[in-house]
Amino acid sequence: MSEPITIRLNDREFLVACEPEERSGLLAAASYLDTKMREFRANAHSPGFERLAVLTALSVAHELLETRQKQEAEQRVFGEGIDTLRRKLESALERTTTSRS
């Protein structure tokens, strides 16, 4: 059952419904978002809350997409390495089977 929790973003409070098992993750995400918003606010000329929220959302989305692209590239390289090892193993097994015949 959802329970309301209060999160603070850039000195504003928001009441958010949250499942108990998701509470710690939501609080961690809110803390991360608050930190990013404060970074933008420190480097901007007094932006409004909405503009600050949009800039922060774009930054976080960009980070997420970069991370996903890196993961996909790493998975591709890992998969290629596994395929190479599998082919070598199959070749070695084939040579062993052929030499016994």
PDB file of N, CA and C in Angstrom:
ATOM      1  N   MET A   1       0.833  -1.177   0.000  1.00  0.00           N
ATOM      2  CA  MET A   1       0.000   0.000   0.000  1.00  0.00           C
ATOM      3  C   MET A   1       0.883   1.248   0.000  1.00  0.00           C
ATOM      4  N   SER A   2       0.572   2.200  -0.859  1.00  0.00           N
ATOM      5  CA  SER A   2       1.342   3.432  -0.957  1.00  0.00           C
ATOM      6  C   SER A   2       1.234   4.256   0.321  1.00  0.00           C
ATOM      7  N   GLU A   3       2.352   4.854   0.652  1.00  0.00           N
ATOM      8  CA  GLU A   3       2.413   5.743   1.802  1.00  0.00           C
ATOM      9  C   GLU A   3       2.986   7.072   1.337  1.00  0.00           C
ATOM     10  N   PRO A   4       2.467   8.179   1.818  1.00  0.00           N
ATOM     11  CA  PRO A   4       3.018   9.464   1.415  1.00  0.00           C
ATOM     12  C   PRO A   4       4.344   9.741   2.129  1.00  0.00           C
ATOM     13  N   ILE A   5       5.311  10.252   1.368  1.00  0.00           N
ATOM     14  CA  ILE A   5       6.565  10.708   1.963  1.00  0.00           C
ATOM     15  C   ILE A   5       6.833  12.115   1.444  1.00  0.00           C
ATOM     16  N   THR A   6       7.560  12.852   2.208  1.00  0.00           N
ATOM     17  CA  THR A   6       7.901  14.214   1.821  1.00  0.00           C
ATOM     18  C   THR A   6       9.323  14.237   1.294  1.00  0.00           C
ATOM     19  N   ILE A   7       9.489  14.807   0.112  1.00  0.00           N
ATOM     20  CA  ILE A   7      10.825  14.998  -0.443  1.00  0.00           C
ATOM     21  C   ILE A   7      11.056  16.497  -0.597  1.00  0.00           C
ATOM     22  N   ARG A   8      12.328  16.876  -0.491  1.00  0.00           N
ATOM     23  CA  ARG A   8      12.688  18.287  -0.650  1.00  0.00           C
ATOM     24  C   ARG A   8      13.543  18.434  -1.897  1.00  0.00           C
ATOM     25  N   LEU A   9      13.122  19.344  -2.755  1.00  0.00           N
ATOM     26  CA  LEU A   9      13.875  19.674  -3.957  1.00  0.00           C
ATOM     27  C   LEU A   9      14.067  21.183  -3.997  1.00  0.00           C
ATOM     28  N   ASN A  10      15.303  21.601  -3.917  1.00  0.00           N
ATOM     29  CA  ASN A  10      15.621  23.014  -4.032  1.00  0.00           C
ATOM     30  C   ASN A  10      14.782  23.861  -3.064  1.00  0.00           C
ATOM     31  N   ASP A  11      14.748  23.420  -1.835  1.00  0.00           N
ATOM     32  CA  ASP A  11      14.047  24.115  -0.741  1.00  0.00           C
ATOM     33  C   ASP A  11      12.526  24.120  -0.875  1.00  0.00           C
ATOM     34  N   ARG A  12      11.993  23.251  -1.695  1.00  0.00           N
ATOM     35  CA  ARG A  12      10.539  23.079  -1.790  1.00  0.00           C
ATOM     36  C   ARG A  12      10.214  21.658  -1.362  1.00  0.00           C
ATOM     37  N   GLU A  13       9.086  21.512  -0.699  1.00  0.00           N
ATOM     38  CA  GLU A  13       8.653  20.185  -0.265  1.00  0.00           C
ATOM     39  C   GLU A  13       7.549  19.664  -1.168  1.00  0.00           C
ATOM     40  N   PHE A  14       7.626  18.350  -1.418  1.00  0.00           N
ATOM     41  CA  PHE A  14       6.624  17.687  -2.242  1.00  0.00           C
ATOM     42  C   PHE A  14       6.203  16.411  -1.525  1.00  0.00           C
ATOM     43  N   LEU A  15       4.922  16.174  -1.481  1.00  0.00           N
ATOM     44  CA  LEU A  15       4.382  14.957  -0.899  1.00  0.00           C
ATOM     45  C   LEU A  15       4.169  13.962  -2.046  1.00  0.00           C
ATOM     46  N   VAL A  16       4.784  12.799  -1.926  1.00  0.00           N
ATOM     47  CA  VAL A  16       4.759  11.808  -2.998  1.00  0.00           C
ATOM     48  C   VAL A  16       4.303  10.476  -2.438  1.00  0.00           C
ATOM     49  N   ALA A  17       3.375   9.821  -3.130  1.00  0.00           N
ATOM     50  CA  ALA A  17       2.944   8.476  -2.728  1.00  0.00           C
ATOM     51  C   ALA A  17       4.024   7.484  -3.154  1.00  0.00           C
ATOM     52  N   CYS A  18       4.300   6.538  -2.284  1.00  0.00           N
ATOM     53  CA  CYS A  18       5.395   5.613  -2.547  1.00  0.00           C
ATOM     54  C   CYS A  18       5.128   4.289  -1.845  1.00  0.00           C
ATOM     55  N   GLU A  19       5.442   3.203  -2.521  1.00  0.00           N
ATOM     56  CA  GLU A  19       5.363   1.885  -1.898  1.00  0.00           C
ATOM     57  C   GLU A  19       6.499   1.776  -0.879  1.00  0.00           C
ATOM     58  N   PRO A  20       6.257   1.122   0.254  1.00  0.00           N
ATOM     59  CA  PRO A  20       7.283   1.035   1.298  1.00  0.00           C
ATOM     60  C   PRO A  20       8.621   0.480   0.795  1.00  0.00           C
ATOM     61  N   GLU A  21       8.574  -0.521  -0.075  1.00  0.00           N
ATOM     62  CA  GLU A  21       9.820  -1.123  -0.567  1.00  0.00           C
ATOM     63  C   GLU A  21      10.575  -0.217  -1.538  1.00  0.00           C
ATOM     64  N   GLU A  22       9.926   0.832  -2.031  1.00  0.00           N
ATOM     65  CA  GLU A  22      10.572   1.767  -2.954  1.00  0.00           C
ATOM     66  C   GLU A  22      11.033   3.042  -2.265  1.00  0.00           C
ATOM     67  N   ARG A  23      10.760   3.149  -0.976  1.00  0.00           N
ATOM     68  CA  ARG A  23      11.048   4.380  -0.232  1.00  0.00           C
ATOM     69  C   ARG A  23      12.518   4.793  -0.300  1.00  0.00           C
ATOM     70  N   SER A  24      13.416   3.874   0.003  1.00  0.00           N
ATOM     71  CA  SER A  24      14.841   4.239   0.030  1.00  0.00           C
ATOM     72  C   SER A  24      15.335   4.659  -1.350  1.00  0.00           C
ATOM     73  N   GLY A  25      14.865   3.982  -2.390  1.00  0.00           N
ATOM     74  CA  GLY A  25      15.256   4.354  -3.754  1.00  0.00           C
ATOM     75  C   GLY A  25      14.735   5.731  -4.143  1.00  0.00           C
ATOM     76  N   LEU A  26      13.488   6.015  -3.754  1.00  0.00           N
ATOM     77  CA  LEU A  26      12.913   7.327  -4.059  1.00  0.00           C
ATOM     78  C   LEU A  26      13.648   8.434  -3.314  1.00  0.00           C
ATOM     79  N   LEU A  27      13.971   8.185  -2.052  1.00  0.00           N
ATOM     80  CA  LEU A  27      14.706   9.186  -1.282  1.00  0.00           C
ATOM     81  C   LEU A  27      16.106   9.417  -1.855  1.00  0.00           C
ATOM     82  N   ALA A  28      16.752   8.360  -2.301  1.00  0.00           N
ATOM     83  CA  ALA A  28      18.073   8.501  -2.927  1.00  0.00           C
ATOM     84  C   ALA A  28      17.965   9.290  -4.229  1.00  0.00           C
ATOM     85  N   ALA A  29      16.945   8.991  -5.023  1.00  0.00           N
ATOM     86  CA  ALA A  29      16.740   9.719  -6.287  1.00  0.00           C
ATOM     87  C   ALA A  29      16.454  11.192  -6.012  1.00  0.00           C
ATOM     88  N   ALA A  30      15.632  11.470  -5.011  1.00  0.00           N
ATOM     89  CA  ALA A  30      15.308  12.854  -4.658  1.00  0.00           C
ATOM     90  C   ALA A  30      16.556  13.596  -4.186  1.00  0.00           C
ATOM     91  N   SER A  31      17.381  12.940  -3.422  1.00  0.00           N
ATOM     92  CA  SER A  31      18.622  13.551  -2.952  1.00  0.00           C
ATOM     93  C   SER A  31      19.545  13.873  -4.122  1.00  0.00           C
ATOM     94  N   TYR A  32      19.670  12.933  -5.054  1.00  0.00           N
ATOM     95  CA  TYR A  32      20.497  13.148  -6.254  1.00  0.00           C
ATOM     96  C   TYR A  32      19.958  14.321  -7.064  1.00  0.00           C
ATOM     97  N   LEU A  33      18.649  14.335  -7.273  1.00  0.00           N
ATOM     98  CA  LEU A  33      18.013  15.401  -8.041  1.00  0.00           C
ATOM     99  C   LEU A  33      18.188  16.750  -7.353  1.00  0.00           C
ATOM    100  N   ASP A  34      18.030  16.775  -6.046  1.00  0.00           N
ATOM    101  CA  ASP A  34      18.212  18.010  -5.289  1.00  0.00           C
ATOM    102  C   ASP A  34      19.635  18.538  -5.447  1.00  0.00           C
ATOM    103  N   THR A  35      20.610  17.651  -5.360  1.00  0.00           N
ATOM    104  CA  THR A  35      22.011  18.047  -5.533  1.00  0.00           C
ATOM    105  C   THR A  35      22.239  18.639  -6.921  1.00  0.00           C
ATOM    106  N   LYS A  36      21.713  17.977  -7.950  1.00  0.00           N
ATOM    107  CA  LYS A  36      21.868  18.479  -9.325  1.00  0.00           C
ATOM    108  C   LYS A  36      21.183  19.832  -9.495  1.00  0.00           C
ATOM    109  N   MET A  37      20.002  19.980  -8.924  1.00  0.00           N
ATOM    110  CA  MET A  37      19.286  21.254  -9.031  1.00  0.00           C
ATOM    111  C   MET A  37      20.079  22.364  -8.350  1.00  0.00           C
ATOM    112  N   ARG A  38      20.677  22.082  -7.224  1.00  0.00           N
ATOM    113  CA  ARG A  38      21.472  23.086  -6.521  1.00  0.00           C
ATOM    114  C   ARG A  38      22.712  23.464  -7.328  1.00  0.00           C
ATOM    115  N   GLU A  39      23.303  22.485  -8.019  1.00  0.00           N
ATOM    116  CA  GLU A  39      24.446  22.780  -8.891  1.00  0.00           C
ATOM    117  C   GLU A  39      24.031  23.736 -10.002  1.00  0.00           C
ATOM    118  N   PHE A  40      22.893  23.459 -10.635  1.00  0.00           N
ATOM    119  CA  PHE A  40      22.412  24.345 -11.701  1.00  0.00           C
ATOM    120  C   PHE A  40      22.081  25.726 -11.150  1.00  0.00           C
ATOM    121  N   ARG A  41      21.449  25.765 -10.005  1.00  0.00           N
ATOM    122  CA  ARG A  41      21.067  27.044  -9.419  1.00  0.00           C
ATOM    123  C   ARG A  41      22.308  27.876  -9.104  1.00  0.00           C
ATOM    124  N   ALA A  42      23.372  27.234  -8.638  1.00  0.00           N
ATOM    125  CA  ALA A  42      24.605  27.947  -8.306  1.00  0.00           C
ATOM    126  C   ALA A  42      25.270  28.537  -9.545  1.00  0.00           C
ATOM    127  N   ASN A  43      25.056  27.910 -10.703  1.00  0.00           N
ATOM    128  CA  ASN A  43      25.703  28.362 -11.937  1.00  0.00           C
ATOM    129  C   ASN A  43      24.787  29.198 -12.826  1.00  0.00           C
ATOM    130  N   ALA A  44      23.568  29.409 -12.419  1.00  0.00           N
ATOM    131  CA  ALA A  44      22.602  30.150 -13.238  1.00  0.00           C
ATOM    132  C   ALA A  44      22.292  31.492 -12.584  1.00  0.00           C
ATOM    133  N   HIS A  45      21.702  32.348 -13.363  1.00  0.00           N
ATOM    134  CA  HIS A  45      21.309  33.656 -12.855  1.00  0.00           C
ATOM    135  C   HIS A  45      19.867  33.594 -12.370  1.00  0.00           C
ATOM    136  N   SER A  46      19.692  33.161 -11.144  1.00  0.00           N
ATOM    137  CA  SER A  46      18.395  33.026 -10.466  1.00  0.00           C
ATOM    138  C   SER A  46      17.264  32.516 -11.366  1.00  0.00           C
ATOM    139  N   PRO A  47      17.401  31.273 -11.849  1.00  0.00           N
ATOM    140  CA  PRO A  47      16.326  30.726 -12.678  1.00  0.00           C
ATOM    141  C   PRO A  47      15.111  30.385 -11.819  1.00  0.00           C
ATOM    142  N   GLY A  48      13.944  30.393 -12.439  1.00  0.00           N
ATOM    143  CA  GLY A  48      12.736  29.966 -11.741  1.00  0.00           C
ATOM    144  C   GLY A  48      12.790  28.468 -11.489  1.00  0.00           C
ATOM    145  N   PHE A  49      11.950  28.020 -10.568  1.00  0.00           N
ATOM    146  CA  PHE A  49      11.951  26.608 -10.193  1.00  0.00           C
ATOM    147  C   PHE A  49      11.667  25.711 -11.395  1.00  0.00           C
ATOM    148  N   GLU A  50      10.700  26.095 -12.204  1.00  0.00           N
ATOM    149  CA  GLU A  50      10.330  25.253 -13.354  1.00  0.00           C
ATOM    150  C   GLU A  50      11.484  25.141 -14.349  1.00  0.00           C
ATOM    151  N   ARG A  51      12.127  26.254 -14.637  1.00  0.00           N
ATOM    152  CA  ARG A  51      13.269  26.224 -15.568  1.00  0.00           C
ATOM    153  C   ARG A  51      14.399  25.380 -14.983  1.00  0.00           C
ATOM    154  N   LEU A  52      14.635  25.551 -13.706  1.00  0.00           N
ATOM    155  CA  LEU A  52      15.662  24.780 -13.026  1.00  0.00           C
ATOM    156  C   LEU A  52      15.336  23.283 -13.090  1.00  0.00           C
ATOM    157  N   ALA A  53      14.077  22.946 -12.879  1.00  0.00           N
ATOM    158  CA  ALA A  53      13.653  21.540 -12.935  1.00  0.00           C
ATOM    159  C   ALA A  53      13.845  20.969 -14.341  1.00  0.00           C
ATOM    160  N   VAL A  54      13.510  21.748 -15.371  1.00  0.00           N
ATOM    161  CA  VAL A  54      13.665  21.273 -16.750  1.00  0.00           C
ATOM    162  C   VAL A  54      15.142  21.087 -17.089  1.00  0.00           C
ATOM    163  N   LEU A  55      15.979  22.049 -16.740  1.00  0.00           N
ATOM    164  CA  LEU A  55      17.414  21.926 -17.016  1.00  0.00           C
ATOM    165  C   LEU A  55      18.005  20.711 -16.311  1.00  0.00           C
ATOM    166  N   THR A  56      17.592  20.503 -15.080  1.00  0.00           N
ATOM    167  CA  THR A  56      18.090  19.356 -14.322  1.00  0.00           C
ATOM    168  C   THR A  56      17.592  18.045 -14.933  1.00  0.00           C
ATOM    169  N   ALA A  57      16.323  18.005 -15.318  1.00  0.00           N
ATOM    170  CA  ALA A  57      15.769  16.794 -15.939  1.00  0.00           C
ATOM    171  C   ALA A  57      16.514  16.463 -17.229  1.00  0.00           C
ATOM    172  N   LEU A  58      16.822  17.477 -18.025  1.00  0.00           N
ATOM    173  CA  LEU A  58      17.575  17.250 -19.263  1.00  0.00           C
ATOM    174  C   LEU A  58      18.972  16.712 -18.966  1.00  0.00           C
ATOM    175  N   SER A  59      19.608  17.266 -17.963  1.00  0.00           N
ATOM    176  CA  SER A  59      20.944  16.815 -17.591  1.00  0.00           C
ATOM    177  C   SER A  59      20.927  15.368 -17.115  1.00  0.00           C
ATOM    178  N   VAL A  60      19.981  15.035 -16.266  1.00  0.00           N
ATOM    179  CA  VAL A  60      19.878  13.673 -15.736  1.00  0.00           C
ATOM    180  C   VAL A  60      19.516  12.694 -16.856  1.00  0.00           C
ATOM    181  N   ALA A  61      18.617  13.092 -17.749  1.00  0.00           N
ATOM    182  CA  ALA A  61      18.263  12.230 -18.886  1.00  0.00           C
ATOM    183  C   ALA A  61      19.475  12.000 -19.778  1.00  0.00           C
ATOM    184  N   HIS A  62      20.270  13.036 -19.985  1.00  0.00           N
ATOM    185  CA  HIS A  62      21.489  12.909 -20.788  1.00  0.00           C
ATOM    186  C   HIS A  62      22.460  11.919 -20.136  1.00  0.00           C
ATOM    187  N   GLU A  63      22.646  12.044 -18.829  1.00  0.00           N
ATOM    188  CA  GLU A  63      23.503  11.101 -18.102  1.00  0.00           C
ATOM    189  C   GLU A  63      23.004   9.670 -18.267  1.00  0.00           C
ATOM    190  N   LEU A  64      21.701   9.490 -18.138  1.00  0.00           N
ATOM    191  CA  LEU A  64      21.108   8.163 -18.264  1.00  0.00           C
ATOM    192  C   LEU A  64      21.357   7.583 -19.652  1.00  0.00           C
ATOM    193  N   LEU A  65      21.130   8.378 -20.688  1.00  0.00           N
ATOM    194  CA  LEU A  65      21.333   7.893 -22.052  1.00  0.00           C
ATOM    195  C   LEU A  65      22.795   7.566 -22.324  1.00  0.00           C
ATOM    196  N   GLU A  66      23.711   8.381 -21.825  1.00  0.00           N
ATOM    197  CA  GLU A  66      25.134   8.085 -21.988  1.00  0.00           C
ATOM    198  C   GLU A  66      25.496   6.771 -21.303  1.00  0.00           C
ATOM    199  N   THR A  67      24.977   6.572 -20.106  1.00  0.00           N
ATOM    200  CA  THR A  67      25.245   5.340 -19.367  1.00  0.00           C
ATOM    201  C   THR A  67      24.698   4.132 -20.115  1.00  0.00           C
ATOM    202  N   ARG A  68      23.496   4.259 -20.642  1.00  0.00           N
ATOM    203  CA  ARG A  68      22.900   3.154 -21.403  1.00  0.00           C
ATOM    204  C   ARG A  68      23.730   2.834 -22.643  1.00  0.00           C
ATOM    205  N   GLN A  69      24.191   3.874 -23.348  1.00  0.00           N
ATOM    206  CA  GLN A  69      24.995   3.643 -24.546  1.00  0.00           C
ATOM    207  C   GLN A  69      26.301   2.940 -24.202  1.00  0.00           C
ATOM    208  N   LYS A  70      26.929   3.347 -23.109  1.00  0.00           N
ATOM    209  CA  LYS A  70      28.170   2.697 -22.683  1.00  0.00           C
ATOM    210  C   LYS A  70      27.916   1.241 -22.318  1.00  0.00           C
ATOM    211  N   GLN A  71      26.811   0.992 -21.609  1.00  0.00           N
ATOM    212  CA  GLN A  71      26.472  -0.385 -21.228  1.00  0.00           C
ATOM    213  C   GLN A  71      26.230  -1.245 -22.456  1.00  0.00           C
ATOM    214  N   GLU A  72      25.497  -0.705 -23.429  1.00  0.00           N
ATOM    215  CA  GLU A  72      25.215  -1.464 -24.644  1.00  0.00           C
ATOM    216  C   GLU A  72      26.498  -1.783 -25.392  1.00  0.00           C
ATOM    217  N   ALA A  73      27.414  -0.813 -25.461  1.00  0.00           N
ATOM    218  CA  ALA A  73      28.691  -1.046 -26.139  1.00  0.00           C
ATOM    219  C   ALA A  73      29.496  -2.112 -25.404  1.00  0.00           C
ATOM    220  N   GLU A  74      29.523  -2.038 -24.070  1.00  0.00           N
ATOM    221  CA  GLU A  74      30.243  -3.036 -23.285  1.00  0.00           C
ATOM    222  C   GLU A  74      29.616  -4.418 -23.442  1.00  0.00           C
ATOM    223  N   GLN A  75      28.295  -4.486 -23.471  1.00  0.00           N
ATOM    224  CA  GLN A  75      27.619  -5.769 -23.656  1.00  0.00           C
ATOM    225  C   GLN A  75      27.930  -6.349 -25.038  1.00  0.00           C
ATOM    226  N   ARG A  76      27.995  -5.472 -26.042  1.00  0.00           N
ATOM    227  CA  ARG A  76      28.304  -5.919 -27.393  1.00  0.00           C
ATOM    228  C   ARG A  76      29.721  -6.507 -27.428  1.00  0.00           C
ATOM    229  N   VAL A  77      30.691  -5.806 -26.831  1.00  0.00           N
ATOM    230  CA  VAL A  77      32.072  -6.290 -26.797  1.00  0.00           C
ATOM    231  C   VAL A  77      32.150  -7.593 -26.017  1.00  0.00           C
ATOM    232  N   PHE A  78      31.463  -7.663 -24.883  1.00  0.00           N
ATOM    233  CA  PHE A  78      31.448  -8.878 -24.078  1.00  0.00           C
ATOM    234  C   PHE A  78      30.851 -10.034 -24.874  1.00  0.00           C
ATOM    235  N   GLY A  79      29.733  -9.774 -25.554  1.00  0.00           N
ATOM    236  CA  GLY A  79      29.086 -10.809 -26.360  1.00  0.00           C
ATOM    237  C   GLY A  79      29.990 -11.305 -27.477  1.00  0.00           C
ATOM    238  N   GLU A  80      30.704 -10.377 -28.114  1.00  0.00           N
ATOM    239  CA  GLU A  80      31.635 -10.764 -29.173  1.00  0.00           C
ATOM    240  C   GLU A  80      32.763 -11.622 -28.612  1.00  0.00           C
ATOM    241  N   GLY A  81      33.241 -11.264 -27.414  1.00  0.00           N
ATOM    242  CA  GLY A  81      34.290 -12.058 -26.769  1.00  0.00           C
ATOM    243  C   GLY A  81      33.807 -13.460 -26.448  1.00  0.00           C
ATOM    244  N   ILE A  82      32.589 -13.569 -25.957  1.00  0.00           N
ATOM    245  CA  ILE A  82      32.000 -14.883 -25.650  1.00  0.00           C
ATOM    246  C   ILE A  82      31.862 -15.706 -26.931  1.00  0.00           C
ATOM    247  N   ASP A  83      31.405 -15.066 -28.007  1.00  0.00           N
ATOM    248  CA  ASP A  83      31.273 -15.782 -29.282  1.00  0.00           C
ATOM    249  C   ASP A  83      32.630 -16.286 -29.771  1.00  0.00           C
ATOM    250  N   THR A  84      33.662 -15.477 -29.640  1.00  0.00           N
ATOM    251  CA  THR A  84      35.008 -15.882 -30.051  1.00  0.00           C
ATOM    252  C   THR A  84      35.480 -17.076 -29.235  1.00  0.00           C
ATOM    253  N   LEU A  85      35.280 -17.015 -27.932  1.00  0.00           N
ATOM    254  CA  LEU A  85      35.668 -18.135 -27.071  1.00  0.00           C
ATOM    255  C   LEU A  85      34.883 -19.406 -27.406  1.00  0.00           C
ATOM    256  N   ARG A  86      33.583 -19.243 -27.688  1.00  0.00           N
ATOM    257  CA  ARG A  86      32.758 -20.394 -28.040  1.00  0.00           C
ATOM    258  C   ARG A  86      33.262 -21.046 -29.326  1.00  0.00           C
ATOM    259  N   ARG A  87      33.593 -20.222 -30.322  1.00  0.00           N
ATOM    260  CA  ARG A  87      34.099 -20.774 -31.592  1.00  0.00           C
ATOM    261  C   ARG A  87      35.432 -21.497 -31.382  1.00  0.00           C
ATOM    262  N   LYS A  88      36.301 -20.921 -30.565  1.00  0.00           N
ATOM    263  CA  LYS A  88      37.592 -21.563 -30.283  1.00  0.00           C
ATOM    264  C   LYS A  88      37.390 -22.890 -29.576  1.00  0.00           C
ATOM    265  N   LEU A  89      36.485 -22.899 -28.605  1.00  0.00           N
ATOM    266  CA  LEU A  89      36.198 -24.121 -27.863  1.00  0.00           C
ATOM    267  C   LEU A  89      35.615 -25.183 -28.789  1.00  0.00           C
ATOM    268  N   GLU A  90      34.674 -24.794 -29.639  1.00  0.00           N
ATOM    269  CA  GLU A  90      34.078 -25.748 -30.580  1.00  0.00           C
ATOM    270  C   GLU A  90      35.137 -26.298 -31.526  1.00  0.00           C
ATOM    271  N   SER A  91      36.031 -25.418 -31.982  1.00  0.00           N
ATOM    272  CA  SER A  91      37.093 -25.851 -32.882  1.00  0.00           C
ATOM    273  C   SER A  91      38.034 -26.825 -32.182  1.00  0.00           C
ATOM    274  N   ALA A  92      38.392 -26.527 -30.941  1.00  0.00           N
ATOM    275  CA  ALA A  92      39.277 -27.409 -30.195  1.00  0.00           C
ATOM    276  C   ALA A  92      38.610 -28.753 -29.940  1.00  0.00           C
ATOM    277  N   LEU A  93      37.330 -28.733 -29.589  1.00  0.00           N
ATOM    278  CA  LEU A  93      36.604 -29.979 -29.360  1.00  0.00           C
ATOM    279  C   LEU A  93      36.497 -30.785 -30.653  1.00  0.00           C
ATOM    280  N   GLU A  94      36.285 -30.093 -31.755  1.00  0.00           N
ATOM    281  CA  GLU A  94      36.186 -30.776 -33.048  1.00  0.00           C
ATOM    282  C   GLU A  94      37.509 -31.433 -33.408  1.00  0.00           C
ATOM    283  N   ARG A  95      38.629 -30.732 -33.174  1.00  0.00           N
ATOM    284  CA  ARG A  95      39.940 -31.307 -33.479  1.00  0.00           C
ATOM    285  C   ARG A  95      40.215 -32.513 -32.587  1.00  0.00           C
ATOM    286  N   THR A  96      39.802 -32.445 -31.323  1.00  0.00           N
ATOM    287  CA  THR A  96      40.007 -33.546 -30.381  1.00  0.00           C
ATOM    288  C   THR A  96      39.185 -34.749 -30.822  1.00  0.00           C
ATOM    289  N   THR A  97      37.941 -34.523 -31.227  1.00  0.00           N
ATOM    290  CA  THR A  97      37.067 -35.605 -31.660  1.00  0.00           C
ATOM    291  C   THR A  97      37.604 -36.223 -32.962  1.00  0.00           C
ATOM    292  N   THR A  98      38.084 -35.379 -33.882  1.00  0.00           N
ATOM    293  CA  THR A  98      38.608 -35.869 -35.162  1.00  0.00           C
ATOM    294  C   THR A  98      39.891 -36.672 -34.964  1.00  0.00           C
ATOM    295  N   SER A  99      40.752 -36.222 -34.066  1.00  0.00           N
ATOM    296  CA  SER A  99      42.038 -36.923 -33.858  1.00  0.00           C
ATOM    297  C   SER A  99      41.840 -38.265 -33.159  1.00  0.00           C
ATOM    298  N   ARG A 100      40.751 -38.465 -32.455  1.00  0.00           N
ATOM    299  CA  ARG A 100      40.481 -39.743 -31.780  1.00  0.00           C
ATOM    300  C   ARG A 100      39.903 -40.780 -32.748  1.00  0.00           C
ATOM    301  N   SER A 101      39.363 -40.299 -33.858  1.00  0.00           N
ATOM    302  CA  SER A 101      38.698 -41.219 -34.787  1.00  0.00           C
ATOM    303  C   SER A 101      39.660 -42.014 -35.604  1.00  0.00           C
TER     304      SER A 101
END
